[in-house]
C-alpha atoms as a PDB file:
ATOM      1  CA  MET A   1     113.779-174.693  49.964  1.00  0.00           C
ATOM      2  CA  ALA A   2     110.205-174.766  48.822  1.00  0.00           C
ATOM      3  CA  LYS A   3     107.235-175.701  51.167  1.00  0.00           C
ATOM      4  CA  LEU A   4     105.178-178.266  49.856  1.00  0.00           C
ATOM      5  CA  THR A   5     101.573-177.491  50.279  1.00  0.00           C
ATOM      6  CA  SER A   6      98.710-180.481  50.738  1.00  0.00           C
ATOM      7  CA  THR A   7      97.521-179.832  47.353  1.00  0.00           C
ATOM      8  CA  GLU A   8     100.954-180.153  45.712  1.00  0.00           C
ATOM      9  CA  GLY A   9     101.584-183.495  47.896  1.00  0.00           C
ATOM     10  CA  VAL A  10      97.623-184.984  46.250  1.00  0.00           C
ATOM     11  CA  THR A  11      99.020-184.285  43.259  1.00  0.00           C
ATOM     12  CA  GLY A  12     102.362-185.875  43.529  1.00  0.00           C
ATOM     13  CA  ALA A  13     100.914-189.185  45.366  1.00  0.00           C
ATOM     14  CA  VAL A  14      98.327-189.372  42.339  1.00  0.00           C
ATOM     15  CA  LYS A  15     100.895-189.133  39.887  1.00  0.00           C
ATOM     16  CA  ASP A  16     102.777-192.001  41.487  1.00  0.00           C
ATOM     17  CA  THR A  17      99.752-193.891  41.877  1.00  0.00           C
ATOM     18  CA  VAL A  18      99.107-193.516  37.804  1.00  0.00           C
ATOM     19  CA  LYS A  19     102.692-194.109  36.867  1.00  0.00           C
ATOM     20  CA  ASP A  20     102.615-197.352  38.869  1.00  0.00           C
ATOM     21  CA  THR A  21      99.493-198.413  37.666  1.00  0.00           C
ATOM     22  CA  VAL A  22     100.691-197.790  33.764  1.00  0.00           C
ATOM     23  CA  GLY A  23     103.823-199.539  34.475  1.00  0.00           C
ATOM     24  CA  GLY A  24     102.275-202.652  36.468  1.00  0.00           C
ATOM     25  CA  LEU A  25     100.133-202.833  33.035  1.00  0.00           C
ATOM     26  CA  GLY A  26     102.785-202.646  30.880  1.00  0.00           C
ATOM     27  CA  GLU A  27     104.929-205.593  32.592  1.00  0.00           C
ATOM     28  CA  TYR A  28     101.746-207.317  32.626  1.00  0.00           C
ATOM     29  CA  LEU A  29     100.969-206.764  29.008  1.00  0.00           C
ATOM     30  CA  ARG A  30     104.684-208.035  28.128  1.00  0.00           C
ATOM     31  CA  GLU A  31     104.165-211.036  30.165  1.00  0.00           C
ATOM     32  CA  GLN A  32     100.729-212.070  28.612  1.00  0.00           C
ATOM     33  CA  ARG A  33     102.355-211.151  25.156  1.00  0.00           C
ATOM     34  CA  ARG A  34     105.204-213.684  25.853  1.00  0.00           C
ATOM     35  CA  GLN A  35     102.630-216.489  27.373  1.00  0.00           C
ATOM     36  CA  ALA A  36     101.166-216.654  24.034  1.00  0.00           C
ATOM     37  CA  GLN A  37     104.465-216.695  22.295  1.00  0.00           C
ATOM     38  CA  LEU A  38     104.177-213.553  20.145  1.00  0.00           C
ATOM     39  CA  SER A  39     106.735-210.852  19.545  1.00  0.00           C
ATOM     40  CA  LEU A  40     105.850-207.333  20.066  1.00  0.00           C
ATOM     41  CA  ARG A  41     105.862-206.894  16.179  1.00  0.00           C
ATOM     42  CA  GLN A  42     103.120-210.020  15.640  1.00  0.00           C
ATOM     43  CA  LEU A  43     101.191-208.682  18.668  1.00  0.00           C
ATOM     44  CA  ALA A  44     101.319-204.873  16.901  1.00  0.00           C
ATOM     45  CA  GLU A  45      99.889-206.788  13.546  1.00  0.00           C
ATOM     46  CA  GLU A  46      97.120-208.876  15.394  1.00  0.00           C
ATOM     47  CA  SER A  47      95.774-205.862  17.542  1.00  0.00           C
ATOM     48  CA  ASP A  48      96.072-203.152  15.001  1.00  0.00           C
ATOM     49  CA  VAL A  49      98.342-201.197  17.158  1.00  0.00           C
ATOM     50  CA  SER A  50     101.751-199.594  16.213  1.00  0.00           C
ATOM     51  CA  ASN A  51     104.857-201.414  17.120  1.00  0.00           C
ATOM     52  CA  PRO A  52     106.258-198.285  18.989  1.00  0.00           C
ATOM     53  CA  TYR A  53     103.150-197.705  20.607  1.00  0.00           C
ATOM     54  CA  LEU A  54     103.052-201.102  22.107  1.00  0.00           C
ATOM     55  CA  SER A  55     106.618-200.759  23.298  1.00  0.00           C
ATOM     56  CA  GLN A  56     105.742-197.812  24.945  1.00  0.00           C
ATOM     57  CA  ILE A  57     102.823-199.223  26.874  1.00  0.00           C
ATOM     58  CA  GLU A  58     105.154-202.311  27.929  1.00  0.00           C
ATOM     59  CA  ARG A  59     107.668-199.767  29.142  1.00  0.00           C
ATOM     60  CA  GLY A  60     105.333-198.023  30.773  1.00  0.00           C
ATOM     61  CA  LEU A  61     105.595-194.828  29.197  1.00  0.00           C
ATOM     62  CA  ARG A  62     101.710-194.443  28.090  1.00  0.00           C
ATOM     63  CA  ARG A  63      98.468-195.109  29.300  1.00  0.00           C
ATOM     64  CA  PRO A  64      96.452-196.622  26.376  1.00  0.00           C
ATOM     65  CA  SER A  65      92.718-195.801  25.883  1.00  0.00           C
ATOM     66  CA  ALA A  66      90.012-198.539  26.620  1.00  0.00           C
ATOM     67  CA  GLU A  67      89.601-199.122  22.901  1.00  0.00           C
ATOM     68  CA  VAL A  68      93.449-199.895  22.605  1.00  0.00           C
ATOM     69  CA  LEU A  69      93.378-202.141  25.412  1.00  0.00           C
ATOM     70  CA  GLN A  70      90.616-203.845  23.743  1.00  0.00           C
ATOM     71  CA  GLN A  71      92.203-204.582  20.616  1.00  0.00           C
ATOM     72  CA  ILE A  72      95.292-205.975  22.715  1.00  0.00           C
ATOM     73  CA  ALA A  73      93.179-208.317  24.593  1.00  0.00           C
ATOM     74  CA  LYS A  74      91.408-209.500  21.663  1.00  0.00           C
ATOM     75  CA  ALA A  75      95.150-210.056  19.946  1.00  0.00           C
ATOM     76  CA  LEU A  76      96.330-211.727  23.487  1.00  0.00           C
ATOM     77  CA  ARG A  77      93.161-213.900  23.802  1.00  0.00           C
ATOM     78  CA  ILE A  78      92.268-212.346  27.193  1.00  0.00           C
ATOM     79  CA  SER A  79      89.901-210.154  28.726  1.00  0.00           C
ATOM     80  CA  ALA A  80      89.664-206.988  27.927  1.00  0.00           C
ATOM     81  CA  GLU A  81      88.276-206.258  31.641  1.00  0.00           C
ATOM     82  CA  SER A  82      91.554-207.892  33.132  1.00  0.00           C
ATOM     83  CA  LEU A  83      93.557-205.265  31.279  1.00  0.00           C
ATOM     84  CA  TYR A  84      90.746-202.541  32.450  1.00  0.00           C
ATOM     85  CA  VAL A  85      91.493-203.565  36.023  1.00  0.00           C
ATOM     86  CA  ARG A  86      95.171-203.681  35.312  1.00  0.00           C
ATOM     87  CA  ALA A  87      95.083-199.866  34.151  1.00  0.00           C
ATOM     88  CA  GLY A  88      92.647-198.779  36.880  1.00  0.00           C
ATOM     89  CA  ILE A  89      90.026-198.122  34.531  1.00  0.00           C
ATOM     90  CA  LEU A  90      87.822-200.551  36.214  1.00  0.00           C
ATOM     91  CA  ASP A  91      87.355-201.910  39.539  1.00  0.00           C
ATOM     92  CA  ALA A  92      88.920-205.356  40.362  1.00  0.00           C
ATOM     93  CA  ASP A  93      85.608-206.635  42.151  1.00  0.00           C
ATOM     94  CA  ARG A  94      83.762-206.369  38.764  1.00  0.00           C
ATOM     95  CA  SER A  95      85.929-208.825  36.874  1.00  0.00           C
ATOM     96  CA  GLY A  96      86.496-211.695  39.173  1.00  0.00           C
ATOM     97  CA  ALA A  97      84.855-214.153  36.975  1.00  0.00           C
ATOM     98  CA  ARG A  98      86.808-212.884  33.727  1.00  0.00           C
ATOM     99  CA  MET A  99      90.052-214.047  35.598  1.00  0.00           C
ATOM    100  CA  VAL A 100      88.837-217.686  34.986  1.00  0.00           C
ATOM    101  CA  GLU A 101      88.533-217.056  31.373  1.00  0.00           C
ATOM    102  CA  ASP A 102      92.005-215.570  30.970  1.00  0.00           C
ATOM    103  CA  ALA A 103      93.267-218.869  32.417  1.00  0.00           C
ATOM    104  CA  ILE A 104      91.599-221.345  30.170  1.00  0.00           C
ATOM    105  CA  GLY A 105      92.352-218.630  27.494  1.00  0.00           C
ATOM    106  CA  LEU A 106      96.417-218.762  28.432  1.00  0.00           C
ATOM    107  CA  ASP A 107      96.684-222.699  29.362  1.00  0.00           C
ATOM    108  CA  PRO A 108      99.248-224.037  26.552  1.00  0.00           C
ATOM    109  CA  ARG A 109      98.041-227.644  27.275  1.00  0.00           C
ATOM    110  CA  LEU A 110      94.755-226.888  25.816  1.00  0.00           C
ATOM    111  CA  THR A 111      93.457-226.914  22.192  1.00  0.00           C
ATOM    112  CA  GLU A 112      91.354-223.785  20.498  1.00  0.00           C
ATOM    113  CA  ARG A 113      88.408-226.443  20.451  1.00  0.00           C
ATOM    114  CA  GLN A 114      88.938-227.321  24.223  1.00  0.00           C
ATOM    115  CA  LYS A 115      89.132-223.707  25.283  1.00  0.00           C
ATOM    116  CA  SER A 116      86.024-222.746  23.661  1.00  0.00           C
ATOM    117  CA  THR A 117      84.282-225.718  24.866  1.00  0.00           C
ATOM    118  CA  LEU A 118      85.305-224.831  28.445  1.00  0.00           C
ATOM    119  CA  LEU A 119      84.476-221.310  28.025  1.00  0.00           C
ATOM    120  CA  ASP A 120      80.953-221.939  26.864  1.00  0.00           C
ATOM    121  CA  ILE A 121      80.477-224.527  29.630  1.00  0.00           C
ATOM    122  CA  TYR A 122      81.883-221.872  32.181  1.00  0.00           C
ATOM    123  CA  ARG A 123      79.683-218.893  30.985  1.00  0.00           C
ATOM    124  CA  SER A 124      76.543-221.162  31.003  1.00  0.00           C
ATOM    125  CA  PHE A 125      77.281-221.518  34.662  1.00  0.00           C
ATOM    126  CA  ALA A 126      78.563-218.188  36.165  1.00  0.00           C
ATOM    127  CA  GLY A 127      75.942-216.522  33.632  1.00  0.00           C
ATOM    128  CA  THR A 128      78.523-214.292  31.960  1.00  0.00           C
ATOM    129  CA  ASP A 129      78.705-213.890  28.100  1.00  0.00           C
ATOM    130  CA  VAL A 130      80.707-212.325  25.593  1.00  0.00           C
ATOM    131  CA  ALA A 131      78.468-209.510  24.652  1.00  0.00           C
ATOM    132  CA  ALA A 132      78.337-208.125  28.212  1.00  0.00           C
ATOM    133  CA  GLY A 133      82.092-207.819  28.081  1.00  0.00           C
ATOM    134  CA  ASP A 134      81.677-205.932  24.739  1.00  0.00           C
ATOM    135  CA  GLU A 135      79.072-203.687  26.167  1.00  0.00           C
ATOM    136  CA  LEU A 136      81.041-202.984  28.875  1.00  0.00           C
ATOM    137  CA  ALA A 137      84.041-201.974  26.914  1.00  0.00           C
ATOM    138  CA  LEU A 138      82.032-199.488  25.359  1.00  0.00           C
ATOM    139  CA  GLY A 139      80.626-198.220  28.649  1.00  0.00           C
ATOM    140  CA  LEU A 140      84.274-197.833  29.633  1.00  0.00           C
ATOM    141  CA  SER A 141      85.422-196.081  26.685  1.00  0.00           C
ATOM    142  CA  GLU A 142      82.835-193.312  26.820  1.00  0.00           C
ATOM    143  CA  GLN A 143      83.684-193.188  30.700  1.00  0.00           C
ATOM    144  CA  THR A 144      87.172-192.509  30.182  1.00  0.00           C
ATOM    145  CA  GLU A 145      86.449-190.036  27.648  1.00  0.00           C
ATOM    146  CA  ASN A 146      85.092-187.870  30.433  1.00  0.00           C
ATOM    147  CA  THR A 147      87.810-187.962  32.820  1.00  0.00           C
ATOM    148  CA  ASN A 148      90.454-185.630  33.601  1.00  0.00           C
ATOM    149  CA  VAL A 149      93.335-188.531  33.280  1.00  0.00           C
ATOM    150  CA  GLN A 150      95.013-187.838  30.160  1.00  0.00           C
ATOM    151  CA  GLU A 151      95.154-191.108  27.881  1.00  0.00           C
ATOM    152  CA  ASP A 152      96.920-191.538  25.065  1.00  0.00           C
ATOM    153  CA  THR A 153      95.890-193.169  21.654  1.00  0.00           C
ATOM    154  CA  PRO A 154      97.785-194.679  18.751  1.00  0.00           C
END
């Protein structure tokens, strides 16, 4: 029987955490896609990410890059930050306000005009804007390129 060293134990724990994070992301994406009433093929077309790759992400087999997450978020009309948090790229404390925006965007009772108006009002009170989210996405994509965690790209 092989003796497990402390380094191997830490590596195994990190791998388990990454696996749980990627699996949780896939489940979350599947749920968001279903709430948006999109098939996997429709999401692939709208996000410009291949159908097989999206399927692998949803099943927790792949960890997408920040750029891919941003494309998926735009297609689902949710904040990219919520996906970054689920993927473990961004700390949850920095994305609390975006959860409100996600809730507004996913409410099926609201028209697109109502959603847009509510988001504008919320952002004016909360002091957030879309450009800040895009800048964050750019910074995150640069940050993830410099990490040792292996990411997949489509």
